[in-house]
Amino acid sequence: MARYGIDEVAQLLVHVAGSVRELRAELAALALAPTEKLYFTCILNAIESSAASLSESVLHSEHEH
């Protein structure tokens, strides 16, 4: 298993956040039924929430070192 440093993880989380913003913009432009949009919005919210939690953990870990 590859080991990543704090900087690499932080860069990955920034990339994830950018991707989520792009996907939200694309989702808004799609002609989907409201339930479909809600489904994809929930997925994006979960990804965003997980990335935010990881980011917070990385920052906390960075301050400990």
C-alpha atoms as a PDB file:
ATOM      1  CA  MET A   1       0.000   0.000   0.000  1.00  0.00           C
ATOM      2  CA  ALA A   2       1.359   3.405  -0.956  1.00  0.00           C
ATOM      3  CA  ARG A   3       2.013   5.881   1.810  1.00  0.00           C
ATOM      4  CA  TYR A   4       1.219   9.520   1.262  1.00  0.00           C
ATOM      5  CA  GLY A   5       2.380  12.546   3.173  1.00  0.00           C
ATOM      6  CA  ILE A   6       0.147  15.261   4.519  1.00  0.00           C
ATOM      7  CA  ASP A   7       0.902  17.538   1.562  1.00  0.00           C
ATOM      8  CA  GLU A   8      -0.162  14.906  -0.979  1.00  0.00           C
ATOM      9  CA  VAL A   9      -3.378  14.194   0.908  1.00  0.00           C
ATOM     10  CA  ALA A  10      -4.147  17.913   1.183  1.00  0.00           C
ATOM     11  CA  GLN A  11      -3.621  18.341  -2.581  1.00  0.00           C
ATOM     12  CA  LEU A  12      -5.908  15.393  -3.266  1.00  0.00           C
ATOM     13  CA  LEU A  13      -8.638  16.896  -1.069  1.00  0.00           C
ATOM     14  CA  VAL A  14      -8.379  20.219  -2.905  1.00  0.00           C
ATOM     15  CA  HIS A  15      -8.803  18.303  -6.167  1.00  0.00           C
ATOM     16  CA  VAL A  16     -11.842  16.459  -4.778  1.00  0.00           C
ATOM     17  CA  ALA A  17     -13.443  19.746  -3.696  1.00  0.00           C
ATOM     18  CA  GLY A  18     -12.889  21.224  -7.156  1.00  0.00           C
ATOM     19  CA  SER A  19     -14.361  18.145  -8.807  1.00  0.00           C
ATOM     20  CA  VAL A  20     -17.453  18.288  -6.597  1.00  0.00           C
ATOM     21  CA  ARG A  21     -18.007  21.952  -7.573  1.00  0.00           C
ATOM     22  CA  GLU A  22     -17.710  21.036 -11.260  1.00  0.00           C
ATOM     23  CA  LEU A  23     -20.115  18.117 -10.860  1.00  0.00           C
ATOM     24  CA  ARG A  24     -22.659  20.333  -9.065  1.00  0.00           C
ATOM     25  CA  ALA A  25     -22.549  22.781 -11.980  1.00  0.00           C
ATOM     26  CA  GLU A  26     -23.034  19.980 -14.489  1.00  0.00           C
ATOM     27  CA  LEU A  27     -25.838  18.465 -12.419  1.00  0.00           C
ATOM     28  CA  ALA A  28     -27.687  21.787 -12.389  1.00  0.00           C
ATOM     29  CA  ALA A  29     -27.564  21.865 -16.187  1.00  0.00           C
ATOM     30  CA  LEU A  30     -28.952  18.354 -16.665  1.00  0.00           C
ATOM     31  CA  ALA A  31     -32.608  17.758 -17.427  1.00  0.00           C
ATOM     32  CA  LEU A  32     -33.240  15.226 -14.676  1.00  0.00           C
ATOM     33  CA  ALA A  33     -36.311  14.400 -12.672  1.00  0.00           C
ATOM     34  CA  PRO A  34     -36.321  16.006  -9.204  1.00  0.00           C
ATOM     35  CA  THR A  35     -35.782  12.639  -7.509  1.00  0.00           C
ATOM     36  CA  GLU A  36     -32.767  11.924  -9.733  1.00  0.00           C
ATOM     37  CA  LYS A  37     -31.261  15.340  -8.960  1.00  0.00           C
ATOM     38  CA  LEU A  38     -31.848  14.731  -5.255  1.00  0.00           C
ATOM     39  CA  TYR A  39     -30.126  11.338  -5.501  1.00  0.00           C
ATOM     40  CA  PHE A  40     -27.020  12.801  -7.155  1.00  0.00           C
ATOM     41  CA  THR A  41     -27.033  15.801  -4.823  1.00  0.00           C
ATOM     42  CA  CYS A  42     -27.003  13.440  -1.842  1.00  0.00           C
ATOM     43  CA  ILE A  43     -24.018  11.579  -3.306  1.00  0.00           C
ATOM     44  CA  LEU A  44     -22.136  14.840  -3.888  1.00  0.00           C
ATOM     45  CA  ASN A  45     -23.004  16.018  -0.364  1.00  0.00           C
ATOM     46  CA  ALA A  46     -21.600  12.777   1.075  1.00  0.00           C
ATOM     47  CA  ILE A  47     -18.393  13.137  -0.943  1.00  0.00           C
ATOM     48  CA  GLU A  48     -18.053  16.769   0.078  1.00  0.00           C
ATOM     49  CA  SER A  49     -18.691  15.959   3.739  1.00  0.00           C
ATOM     50  CA  SER A  50     -16.151  13.134   3.718  1.00  0.00           C
ATOM     51  CA  ALA A  51     -13.551  15.325   2.047  1.00  0.00           C
ATOM     52  CA  ALA A  52     -14.169  18.082   4.600  1.00  0.00           C
ATOM     53  CA  SER A  53     -13.752  15.614   7.480  1.00  0.00           C
ATOM     54  CA  LEU A  54     -10.541  14.279   5.978  1.00  0.00           C
ATOM     55  CA  SER A  55      -9.292  17.800   5.412  1.00  0.00           C
ATOM     56  CA  GLU A  56      -9.975  18.657   9.035  1.00  0.00           C
ATOM     57  CA  SER A  57      -8.115  15.522  10.138  1.00  0.00           C
ATOM     58  CA  VAL A  58      -5.166  16.414   7.925  1.00  0.00           C
ATOM     59  CA  LEU A  59      -5.017  19.928   9.366  1.00  0.00           C
ATOM     60  CA  HIS A  60      -5.237  18.553  12.898  1.00  0.00           C
ATOM     61  CA  SER A  61      -2.510  16.018  12.151  1.00  0.00           C
ATOM     62  CA  GLU A  62      -0.338  18.714  10.585  1.00  0.00           C
ATOM     63  CA  HIS A  63      -0.540  20.819  13.743  1.00  0.00           C
ATOM     64  CA  GLU A  64       0.498  17.865  15.902  1.00  0.00           C
ATOM     65  CA  HIS A  65       3.786  17.426  14.014  1.00  0.00           C
END
